[in-house]
Amino acid sequence: AIQFSFFGNSTHAAQHPEEGVNALDAARFTFTGIDALKNYLRQDVNIHGVITEGGNNPTVIPDHTECRFYIRARDREYLNKIRPRIINCAEGAALMTGTKMQFEHFSNPLDNLINNHVLSELAMEYLKLEEIDISPHYQDTHFFGSTDIGNVSHICPTMYIEVAMNLNKEQFTI
């Protein structure tokens, strides 16, 4: 979770645009750079971003913008490897526009899930014995969401599993 902040110089867009340093352009170029970078990353990488501050009036060149990105990869090692390249996109955008850039992490990092196969096998045996169905969306080794269970799995044996919710309408009355 990275937030990029860009600082420029505000001015009226029609009267003196040459005096402005457009922070919104820097945010837009950051998105463009990251979109281009995606072509050179592994297939398991997901990068999603939003502009959280982009200016207040279209007639004023914005002097401050912020954008936030979530960056996901199957493993922490690769995520750490590509993180500087993503920051470089924002630094390049700042250089192109003449803005100043700062970045910070706006939430705690989440590590990849290490699913303990021994625990998973035991759970599957128990669920089968109890006639509890596994969710059709569950794939033991392909869980790829954002959750702190991944952080836990790096410290102690952990398993992740999804069970199906088979509700019989006759069991419930409204």
N, C-alpha and C. Protein backbone atom coordinates (compact mmCIF):
# COMPACT_ATOMS: atom_id res chain seq x y z
N ALA A 1 0.86 -1.18 0.00
CA ALA A 1 0.00 0.00 0.00
C ALA A 1 0.90 1.24 0.00
N ILE A 2 0.96 1.91 -1.15
CA ILE A 2 1.82 3.10 -1.28
C ILE A 2 0.97 4.29 -1.70
N GLN A 3 1.21 5.40 -1.02
CA GLN A 3 0.57 6.67 -1.40
C GLN A 3 1.65 7.60 -1.93
N PHE A 4 1.40 8.15 -3.11
CA PHE A 4 2.30 9.14 -3.70
C PHE A 4 1.63 10.51 -3.58
N SER A 5 2.38 11.49 -3.11
CA SER A 5 1.91 12.88 -3.03
C SER A 5 2.80 13.72 -3.93
N PHE A 6 2.16 14.58 -4.73
CA PHE A 6 2.89 15.45 -5.64
C PHE A 6 2.58 16.90 -5.28
N PHE A 7 3.62 17.73 -5.32
CA PHE A 7 3.49 19.15 -4.96
C PHE A 7 4.02 20.00 -6.10
N GLY A 8 3.17 20.90 -6.57
CA GLY A 8 3.55 21.78 -7.67
C GLY A 8 3.27 23.23 -7.33
N ASN A 9 2.77 23.97 -8.32
CA ASN A 9 2.47 25.38 -8.14
C ASN A 9 1.13 25.67 -8.78
N SER A 10 0.21 26.19 -8.00
CA SER A 10 -1.14 26.47 -8.47
C SER A 10 -1.19 27.83 -9.17
N THR A 11 -1.96 27.86 -10.24
CA THR A 11 -2.20 29.10 -10.96
C THR A 11 -3.49 28.95 -11.76
N HIS A 12 -3.99 30.05 -12.28
CA HIS A 12 -5.20 29.99 -13.12
C HIS A 12 -4.82 29.34 -14.45
N ALA A 13 -5.61 28.38 -14.88
CA ALA A 13 -5.27 27.58 -16.05
C ALA A 13 -5.34 28.37 -17.36
N ALA A 14 -6.15 29.42 -17.42
CA ALA A 14 -6.29 30.18 -18.67
C ALA A 14 -5.44 31.44 -18.68
N GLN A 15 -5.29 32.10 -17.54
CA GLN A 15 -4.60 33.39 -17.53
C GLN A 15 -3.09 33.26 -17.49
N HIS A 16 -2.55 32.36 -16.64
CA HIS A 16 -1.10 32.23 -16.51
C HIS A 16 -0.69 30.77 -16.38
N PRO A 17 -1.04 29.93 -17.35
CA PRO A 17 -0.70 28.51 -17.21
C PRO A 17 0.81 28.26 -17.16
N GLU A 18 1.60 29.13 -17.77
CA GLU A 18 3.05 28.94 -17.77
C GLU A 18 3.67 29.06 -16.38
N GLU A 19 2.94 29.64 -15.45
CA GLU A 19 3.45 29.78 -14.08
C GLU A 19 3.08 28.57 -13.20
N GLY A 20 2.27 27.67 -13.74
CA GLY A 20 1.82 26.53 -12.96
C GLY A 20 2.75 25.33 -13.09
N VAL A 21 2.73 24.53 -12.05
CA VAL A 21 3.38 23.23 -12.05
C VAL A 21 2.30 22.24 -11.64
N ASN A 22 1.82 21.48 -12.62
CA ASN A 22 0.60 20.70 -12.46
C ASN A 22 0.84 19.37 -11.74
N ALA A 23 0.42 19.32 -10.49
CA ALA A 23 0.58 18.11 -9.68
C ALA A 23 -0.33 16.99 -10.19
N LEU A 24 -1.47 17.34 -10.79
CA LEU A 24 -2.36 16.31 -11.34
C LEU A 24 -1.71 15.59 -12.52
N ASP A 25 -0.98 16.33 -13.35
CA ASP A 25 -0.26 15.68 -14.43
C ASP A 25 0.72 14.64 -13.89
N ALA A 26 1.38 14.95 -12.80
CA ALA A 26 2.32 13.99 -12.20
C ALA A 26 1.60 12.72 -11.76
N ALA A 27 0.42 12.86 -11.17
CA ALA A 27 -0.35 11.69 -10.77
C ALA A 27 -0.77 10.89 -12.00
N ARG A 28 -1.23 11.58 -13.04
CA ARG A 28 -1.65 10.89 -14.27
C ARG A 28 -0.48 10.17 -14.92
N PHE A 29 0.69 10.81 -14.97
CA PHE A 29 1.87 10.17 -15.56
C PHE A 29 2.32 8.97 -14.73
N THR A 30 2.09 9.03 -13.42
CA THR A 30 2.42 7.89 -12.57
C THR A 30 1.58 6.68 -12.99
N PHE A 31 0.29 6.90 -13.19
CA PHE A 31 -0.58 5.82 -13.65
C PHE A 31 -0.12 5.28 -15.01
N THR A 32 0.24 6.19 -15.92
CA THR A 32 0.70 5.77 -17.24
C THR A 32 1.97 4.95 -17.15
N GLY A 33 2.89 5.39 -16.31
CA GLY A 33 4.14 4.66 -16.13
C GLY A 33 3.92 3.28 -15.54
N ILE A 34 3.06 3.20 -14.54
CA ILE A 34 2.78 1.91 -13.90
C ILE A 34 2.06 0.99 -14.88
N ASP A 35 1.13 1.54 -15.66
CA ASP A 35 0.45 0.72 -16.67
C ASP A 35 1.45 0.14 -17.67
N ALA A 36 2.44 0.93 -18.09
CA ALA A 36 3.46 0.44 -19.01
C ALA A 36 4.34 -0.61 -18.33
N LEU A 37 4.66 -0.39 -17.07
CA LEU A 37 5.50 -1.33 -16.32
C LEU A 37 4.86 -2.71 -16.19
N LYS A 38 3.54 -2.76 -16.10
CA LYS A 38 2.84 -4.04 -15.93
C LYS A 38 3.20 -5.05 -17.02
N ASN A 39 3.56 -4.57 -18.22
CA ASN A 39 3.93 -5.47 -19.31
C ASN A 39 5.21 -6.24 -19.01
N TYR A 40 5.99 -5.79 -18.04
CA TYR A 40 7.30 -6.38 -17.76
C TYR A 40 7.34 -7.06 -16.40
N LEU A 41 6.17 -7.30 -15.82
CA LEU A 41 6.09 -7.96 -14.52
C LEU A 41 5.46 -9.34 -14.69
N ARG A 42 5.66 -10.17 -13.69
CA ARG A 42 5.06 -11.50 -13.73
C ARG A 42 3.54 -11.41 -13.79
N GLN A 43 2.92 -12.47 -14.28
CA GLN A 43 1.47 -12.53 -14.43
C GLN A 43 0.73 -12.44 -13.10
N ASP A 44 1.37 -12.83 -11.99
CA ASP A 44 0.68 -12.85 -10.70
C ASP A 44 0.66 -11.49 -10.02
N VAL A 45 1.23 -10.46 -10.63
CA VAL A 45 1.27 -9.13 -10.03
C VAL A 45 -0.01 -8.38 -10.36
N ASN A 46 -0.60 -7.78 -9.34
CA ASN A 46 -1.77 -6.91 -9.51
C ASN A 46 -1.43 -5.55 -8.90
N ILE A 47 -1.69 -4.50 -9.65
CA ILE A 47 -1.47 -3.14 -9.16
C ILE A 47 -2.75 -2.36 -9.43
N HIS A 48 -3.35 -1.84 -8.37
CA HIS A 48 -4.60 -1.10 -8.48
C HIS A 48 -4.41 0.25 -7.80
N GLY A 49 -4.86 1.31 -8.47
CA GLY A 49 -4.67 2.63 -7.89
C GLY A 49 -5.87 3.55 -8.08
N VAL A 50 -5.93 4.57 -7.23
CA VAL A 50 -6.95 5.62 -7.33
C VAL A 50 -6.29 6.96 -7.02
N ILE A 51 -6.87 8.02 -7.59
CA ILE A 51 -6.47 9.37 -7.23
C ILE A 51 -7.37 9.81 -6.10
N THR A 52 -6.79 10.05 -4.93
CA THR A 52 -7.59 10.44 -3.76
C THR A 52 -7.72 11.95 -3.62
N GLU A 53 -6.78 12.68 -4.18
CA GLU A 53 -6.87 14.14 -4.24
C GLU A 53 -6.35 14.58 -5.60
N GLY A 54 -7.18 15.32 -6.34
CA GLY A 54 -6.77 15.70 -7.69
C GLY A 54 -7.04 17.14 -8.04
N GLY A 55 -7.36 17.96 -7.08
CA GLY A 55 -7.70 19.35 -7.35
C GLY A 55 -9.18 19.59 -7.09
N ASN A 56 -9.57 20.87 -7.07
CA ASN A 56 -10.95 21.22 -6.74
C ASN A 56 -11.70 21.95 -7.84
N ASN A 57 -10.97 22.54 -8.78
CA ASN A 57 -11.61 23.37 -9.79
C ASN A 57 -10.88 23.20 -11.11
N PRO A 58 -11.59 22.90 -12.19
CA PRO A 58 -10.90 22.68 -13.47
C PRO A 58 -10.20 23.92 -14.03
N THR A 59 -10.53 25.10 -13.53
CA THR A 59 -9.87 26.31 -14.03
C THR A 59 -8.59 26.63 -13.27
N VAL A 60 -8.25 25.81 -12.29
CA VAL A 60 -7.05 26.04 -11.48
C VAL A 60 -6.12 24.85 -11.62
N ILE A 61 -4.87 25.12 -11.97
CA ILE A 61 -3.87 24.06 -12.04
C ILE A 61 -3.59 23.60 -10.61
N PRO A 62 -3.83 22.32 -10.31
CA PRO A 62 -3.67 21.86 -8.93
C PRO A 62 -2.21 21.80 -8.49
N ASP A 63 -1.99 22.29 -7.27
CA ASP A 63 -0.63 22.28 -6.72
C ASP A 63 -0.36 21.08 -5.81
N HIS A 64 -1.38 20.27 -5.56
CA HIS A 64 -1.20 19.09 -4.71
C HIS A 64 -2.14 17.99 -5.17
N THR A 65 -1.60 16.80 -5.34
CA THR A 65 -2.42 15.62 -5.63
C THR A 65 -1.87 14.43 -4.86
N GLU A 66 -2.74 13.46 -4.67
CA GLU A 66 -2.33 12.20 -4.02
C GLU A 66 -2.97 11.04 -4.75
N CYS A 67 -2.23 9.97 -4.86
CA CYS A 67 -2.78 8.74 -5.42
C CYS A 67 -2.28 7.56 -4.58
N ARG A 68 -3.14 6.56 -4.49
CA ARG A 68 -2.83 5.39 -3.68
C ARG A 68 -2.86 4.14 -4.55
N PHE A 69 -1.95 3.23 -4.25
CA PHE A 69 -1.86 1.98 -4.99
C PHE A 69 -1.74 0.81 -4.01
N TYR A 70 -2.42 -0.28 -4.36
CA TYR A 70 -2.17 -1.57 -3.72
C TYR A 70 -1.40 -2.40 -4.73
N ILE A 71 -0.31 -2.98 -4.28
CA ILE A 71 0.54 -3.80 -5.13
C ILE A 71 0.55 -5.19 -4.54
N ARG A 72 0.18 -6.17 -5.34
CA ARG A 72 0.13 -7.56 -4.88
C ARG A 72 1.00 -8.43 -5.79
N ALA A 73 1.65 -9.40 -5.18
CA ALA A 73 2.39 -10.42 -5.91
C ALA A 73 2.28 -11.71 -5.11
N ARG A 74 2.54 -12.81 -5.78
CA ARG A 74 2.37 -14.10 -5.12
C ARG A 74 3.31 -14.28 -3.92
N ASP A 75 4.47 -13.61 -3.95
CA ASP A 75 5.42 -13.77 -2.84
C ASP A 75 6.08 -12.44 -2.50
N ARG A 76 6.46 -12.31 -1.24
CA ARG A 76 7.06 -11.07 -0.72
C ARG A 76 8.39 -10.76 -1.41
N GLU A 77 9.18 -11.77 -1.71
CA GLU A 77 10.48 -11.55 -2.33
C GLU A 77 10.34 -10.80 -3.66
N TYR A 78 9.40 -11.23 -4.49
CA TYR A 78 9.20 -10.56 -5.78
C TYR A 78 8.59 -9.18 -5.58
N LEU A 79 7.68 -9.06 -4.63
CA LEU A 79 7.07 -7.76 -4.33
C LEU A 79 8.15 -6.75 -3.94
N ASN A 80 9.09 -7.18 -3.11
CA ASN A 80 10.19 -6.29 -2.71
C ASN A 80 11.08 -5.92 -3.90
N LYS A 81 11.19 -6.83 -4.86
CA LYS A 81 12.01 -6.58 -6.04
C LYS A 81 11.37 -5.54 -6.96
N ILE A 82 10.04 -5.58 -7.12
CA ILE A 82 9.39 -4.66 -8.06
C ILE A 82 9.00 -3.33 -7.43
N ARG A 83 8.95 -3.27 -6.11
CA ARG A 83 8.55 -2.04 -5.41
C ARG A 83 9.37 -0.82 -5.86
N PRO A 84 10.71 -0.91 -5.94
CA PRO A 84 11.47 0.26 -6.40
C PRO A 84 11.13 0.69 -7.82
N ARG A 85 10.76 -0.25 -8.67
CA ARG A 85 10.40 0.10 -10.05
C ARG A 85 9.10 0.90 -10.07
N ILE A 86 8.19 0.58 -9.17
CA ILE A 86 6.92 1.31 -9.09
C ILE A 86 7.18 2.73 -8.56
N ILE A 87 8.02 2.82 -7.56
CA ILE A 87 8.39 4.15 -7.03
C ILE A 87 9.09 4.97 -8.11
N ASN A 88 9.91 4.30 -8.94
CA ASN A 88 10.58 5.01 -10.04
C ASN A 88 9.58 5.63 -11.01
N CYS A 89 8.43 4.99 -11.21
CA CYS A 89 7.40 5.56 -12.09
C CYS A 89 6.92 6.90 -11.54
N ALA A 90 6.72 6.98 -10.23
CA ALA A 90 6.28 8.23 -9.61
C ALA A 90 7.41 9.27 -9.63
N GLU A 91 8.64 8.82 -9.39
CA GLU A 91 9.77 9.75 -9.44
C GLU A 91 9.95 10.31 -10.85
N GLY A 92 9.77 9.45 -11.86
CA GLY A 92 9.86 9.90 -13.25
C GLY A 92 8.76 10.89 -13.59
N ALA A 93 7.56 10.66 -13.08
CA ALA A 93 6.45 11.59 -13.31
C ALA A 93 6.75 12.94 -12.68
N ALA A 94 7.35 12.93 -11.50
CA ALA A 94 7.72 14.19 -10.84
C ALA A 94 8.78 14.92 -11.65
N LEU A 95 9.75 14.19 -12.18
CA LEU A 95 10.78 14.81 -13.01
C LEU A 95 10.18 15.42 -14.27
N MET A 96 9.25 14.71 -14.91
CA MET A 96 8.65 15.21 -16.15
C MET A 96 7.85 16.49 -15.92
N THR A 97 7.23 16.62 -14.76
CA THR A 97 6.34 17.75 -14.51
C THR A 97 6.97 18.85 -13.69
N GLY A 98 8.11 18.58 -13.09
CA GLY A 98 8.74 19.58 -12.24
C GLY A 98 8.14 19.66 -10.84
N THR A 99 7.40 18.64 -10.46
CA THR A 99 6.80 18.60 -9.12
C THR A 99 7.76 17.93 -8.15
N LYS A 100 7.43 18.03 -6.89
CA LYS A 100 8.13 17.29 -5.83
C LYS A 100 7.25 16.10 -5.47
N MET A 101 7.88 14.96 -5.22
CA MET A 101 7.13 13.75 -4.89
C MET A 101 7.56 13.23 -3.54
N GLN A 102 6.58 12.78 -2.77
CA GLN A 102 6.82 12.06 -1.52
C GLN A 102 5.97 10.80 -1.55
N PHE A 103 6.45 9.75 -0.90
CA PHE A 103 5.61 8.56 -0.80
C PHE A 103 5.65 8.03 0.62
N GLU A 104 4.59 7.32 0.96
CA GLU A 104 4.49 6.68 2.27
C GLU A 104 3.58 5.47 2.14
N HIS A 105 3.68 4.59 3.12
CA HIS A 105 2.80 3.42 3.16
C HIS A 105 1.59 3.80 4.00
N PHE A 106 0.41 3.62 3.44
CA PHE A 106 -0.80 4.05 4.14
C PHE A 106 -1.49 2.91 4.88
N SER A 107 -0.95 1.72 4.81
CA SER A 107 -1.48 0.62 5.60
C SER A 107 -0.38 -0.41 5.79
N ASN A 108 -0.59 -1.32 6.72
CA ASN A 108 0.42 -2.33 7.01
C ASN A 108 0.60 -3.26 5.81
N PRO A 109 1.84 -3.72 5.59
CA PRO A 109 2.06 -4.65 4.48
C PRO A 109 1.45 -6.02 4.79
N LEU A 110 1.02 -6.69 3.74
CA LEU A 110 0.44 -8.02 3.88
C LEU A 110 1.29 -9.01 3.09
N ASP A 111 1.76 -10.04 3.77
CA ASP A 111 2.59 -11.05 3.13
C ASP A 111 1.74 -12.11 2.44
N ASN A 112 2.39 -12.83 1.54
CA ASN A 112 1.74 -13.94 0.85
C ASN A 112 1.42 -15.05 1.85
N LEU A 113 0.41 -15.83 1.51
CA LEU A 113 -0.04 -16.93 2.36
C LEU A 113 0.80 -18.17 2.09
N ILE A 114 1.32 -18.75 3.16
CA ILE A 114 1.98 -20.05 3.08
C ILE A 114 1.02 -21.05 3.70
N ASN A 115 0.33 -21.78 2.85
CA ASN A 115 -0.69 -22.72 3.30
C ASN A 115 -0.02 -24.02 3.71
N ASN A 116 -0.14 -24.40 4.99
CA ASN A 116 0.46 -25.63 5.50
C ASN A 116 -0.35 -26.82 4.99
N HIS A 117 0.28 -27.64 4.16
CA HIS A 117 -0.43 -28.73 3.50
C HIS A 117 -0.85 -29.83 4.46
N VAL A 118 -0.10 -30.04 5.52
CA VAL A 118 -0.49 -31.05 6.51
C VAL A 118 -1.79 -30.63 7.20
N LEU A 119 -1.87 -29.37 7.62
CA LEU A 119 -3.11 -28.88 8.23
C LEU A 119 -4.26 -28.93 7.23
N SER A 120 -4.00 -28.57 5.98
CA SER A 120 -5.04 -28.59 4.95
C SER A 120 -5.58 -30.00 4.73
N GLU A 121 -4.69 -30.96 4.66
CA GLU A 121 -5.13 -32.35 4.47
C GLU A 121 -5.97 -32.83 5.64
N LEU A 122 -5.55 -32.51 6.85
CA LEU A 122 -6.33 -32.89 8.03
C LEU A 122 -7.70 -32.23 8.01
N ALA A 123 -7.75 -30.97 7.64
CA ALA A 123 -9.03 -30.26 7.57
C ALA A 123 -9.93 -30.86 6.50
N MET A 124 -9.36 -31.20 5.36
CA MET A 124 -10.16 -31.81 4.28
C MET A 124 -10.74 -33.14 4.73
N GLU A 125 -9.94 -33.94 5.43
CA GLU A 125 -10.44 -35.22 5.94
C GLU A 125 -11.61 -35.00 6.90
N TYR A 126 -11.45 -34.05 7.81
CA TYR A 126 -12.51 -33.76 8.78
C TYR A 126 -13.77 -33.26 8.07
N LEU A 127 -13.62 -32.33 7.15
CA LEU A 127 -14.78 -31.78 6.44
C LEU A 127 -15.51 -32.86 5.65
N LYS A 128 -14.74 -33.75 5.04
CA LYS A 128 -15.35 -34.85 4.30
C LYS A 128 -16.12 -35.77 5.25
N LEU A 129 -15.52 -36.08 6.38
CA LEU A 129 -16.15 -36.92 7.39
C LEU A 129 -17.45 -36.30 7.88
N GLU A 130 -17.48 -34.99 8.04
CA GLU A 130 -18.66 -34.27 8.52
C GLU A 130 -19.61 -33.87 7.39
N GLU A 131 -19.28 -34.27 6.17
CA GLU A 131 -20.08 -33.97 4.99
C GLU A 131 -20.28 -32.46 4.78
N ILE A 132 -19.21 -31.75 4.99
CA ILE A 132 -19.20 -30.30 4.76
C ILE A 132 -18.52 -30.06 3.41
N ASP A 133 -19.22 -29.34 2.53
CA ASP A 133 -18.70 -29.12 1.18
C ASP A 133 -17.68 -28.00 1.16
N ILE A 134 -16.71 -28.17 0.29
CA ILE A 134 -15.71 -27.13 0.05
C ILE A 134 -16.28 -26.17 -0.99
N SER A 135 -15.99 -24.91 -0.85
CA SER A 135 -16.45 -23.91 -1.82
C SER A 135 -15.89 -24.25 -3.19
N PRO A 136 -16.71 -24.12 -4.24
CA PRO A 136 -16.19 -24.38 -5.60
C PRO A 136 -15.12 -23.37 -6.00
N HIS A 137 -15.03 -22.24 -5.30
CA HIS A 137 -14.04 -21.22 -5.61
C HIS A 137 -12.71 -21.47 -4.91
N TYR A 138 -12.69 -22.41 -3.98
CA TYR A 138 -11.48 -22.67 -3.20
C TYR A 138 -10.48 -23.45 -4.03
N GLN A 139 -9.27 -22.94 -4.08
CA GLN A 139 -8.14 -23.66 -4.69
C GLN A 139 -7.00 -23.55 -3.70
N ASP A 140 -6.62 -24.66 -3.15
CA ASP A 140 -5.67 -24.71 -2.04
C ASP A 140 -4.45 -23.81 -2.21
N THR A 141 -3.79 -23.86 -3.33
CA THR A 141 -2.53 -23.12 -3.47
C THR A 141 -2.67 -21.81 -4.23
N HIS A 142 -3.88 -21.42 -4.59
CA HIS A 142 -4.03 -20.24 -5.43
C HIS A 142 -4.78 -19.10 -4.75
N PHE A 143 -4.85 -19.08 -3.44
CA PHE A 143 -5.51 -17.97 -2.76
C PHE A 143 -4.70 -16.71 -3.02
N PHE A 144 -5.37 -15.65 -3.47
CA PHE A 144 -4.64 -14.45 -3.85
C PHE A 144 -5.45 -13.21 -3.50
N GLY A 145 -5.71 -13.04 -2.23
CA GLY A 145 -6.41 -11.85 -1.78
C GLY A 145 -5.53 -11.06 -0.84
N SER A 146 -6.10 -10.06 -0.21
CA SER A 146 -5.37 -9.25 0.75
C SER A 146 -5.90 -9.56 2.14
N THR A 147 -5.08 -10.18 2.93
CA THR A 147 -5.47 -10.52 4.29
C THR A 147 -4.22 -10.69 5.14
N ASP A 148 -4.34 -10.41 6.41
CA ASP A 148 -3.19 -10.54 7.30
C ASP A 148 -2.90 -11.99 7.68
N ILE A 149 -3.71 -12.94 7.22
CA ILE A 149 -3.42 -14.34 7.50
C ILE A 149 -2.08 -14.74 6.87
N GLY A 150 -1.71 -14.07 5.78
CA GLY A 150 -0.41 -14.32 5.17
C GLY A 150 0.72 -13.98 6.13
N ASN A 151 0.60 -12.85 6.82
CA ASN A 151 1.62 -12.47 7.80
C ASN A 151 1.75 -13.53 8.89
N VAL A 152 0.60 -14.04 9.36
CA VAL A 152 0.59 -15.07 10.40
C VAL A 152 1.27 -16.33 9.88
N SER A 153 1.01 -16.68 8.61
CA SER A 153 1.54 -17.92 8.06
C SER A 153 3.06 -17.94 7.96
N HIS A 154 3.70 -16.79 8.03
CA HIS A 154 5.16 -16.73 8.01
C HIS A 154 5.74 -16.98 9.41
N ILE A 155 4.88 -16.97 10.42
CA ILE A 155 5.34 -17.14 11.80
C ILE A 155 4.96 -18.50 12.36
N CYS A 156 3.78 -18.99 12.02
CA CYS A 156 3.33 -20.28 12.54
C CYS A 156 2.55 -21.03 11.47
N PRO A 157 2.45 -22.35 11.60
CA PRO A 157 1.70 -23.13 10.61
C PRO A 157 0.27 -22.62 10.50
N THR A 158 -0.15 -22.40 9.27
CA THR A 158 -1.46 -21.80 8.99
C THR A 158 -2.09 -22.51 7.80
N MET A 159 -3.40 -22.54 7.79
CA MET A 159 -4.10 -23.04 6.62
C MET A 159 -5.26 -22.12 6.31
N TYR A 160 -5.58 -22.08 5.05
CA TYR A 160 -6.72 -21.29 4.58
C TYR A 160 -7.61 -22.22 3.78
N ILE A 161 -8.89 -22.17 4.05
CA ILE A 161 -9.84 -23.00 3.35
C ILE A 161 -11.17 -22.27 3.30
N GLU A 162 -11.94 -22.51 2.27
CA GLU A 162 -13.28 -21.94 2.16
C GLU A 162 -14.29 -23.08 2.13
N VAL A 163 -15.34 -22.94 2.91
CA VAL A 163 -16.40 -23.95 2.90
C VAL A 163 -17.62 -23.36 2.20
N ALA A 164 -18.38 -24.23 1.57
CA ALA A 164 -19.59 -23.81 0.86
C ALA A 164 -20.71 -23.59 1.85
N MET A 165 -21.58 -22.67 1.54
CA MET A 165 -22.76 -22.42 2.36
C MET A 165 -23.96 -23.02 1.62
N ASN A 166 -24.37 -24.20 2.06
CA ASN A 166 -25.53 -24.88 1.45
C ASN A 166 -26.71 -24.68 2.38
N LEU A 167 -27.51 -23.71 2.06
CA LEU A 167 -28.66 -23.40 2.91
C LEU A 167 -29.93 -23.96 2.30
N ASN A 168 -30.67 -24.67 3.10
CA ASN A 168 -31.94 -25.23 2.68
C ASN A 168 -33.04 -24.25 3.07
N LYS A 169 -33.83 -23.78 2.11
CA LYS A 169 -34.84 -22.77 2.37
C LYS A 169 -35.87 -23.24 3.41
N GLU A 170 -36.12 -24.53 3.48
CA GLU A 170 -37.11 -25.03 4.45
C GLU A 170 -36.60 -24.92 5.89
N GLN A 171 -35.31 -24.74 6.07
CA GLN A 171 -34.76 -24.65 7.42
C GLN A 171 -35.02 -23.28 8.04
N PHE A 172 -35.34 -22.32 7.21
CA PHE A 172 -35.48 -20.95 7.70
C PHE A 172 -36.88 -20.42 7.43
N THR A 173 -37.42 -19.70 8.39
CA THR A 173 -38.71 -19.02 8.18
C THR A 173 -38.49 -17.52 8.39
N ILE A 174 -39.20 -16.76 7.60
CA ILE A 174 -39.05 -15.30 7.71
C ILE A 174 -40.27 -14.71 8.37
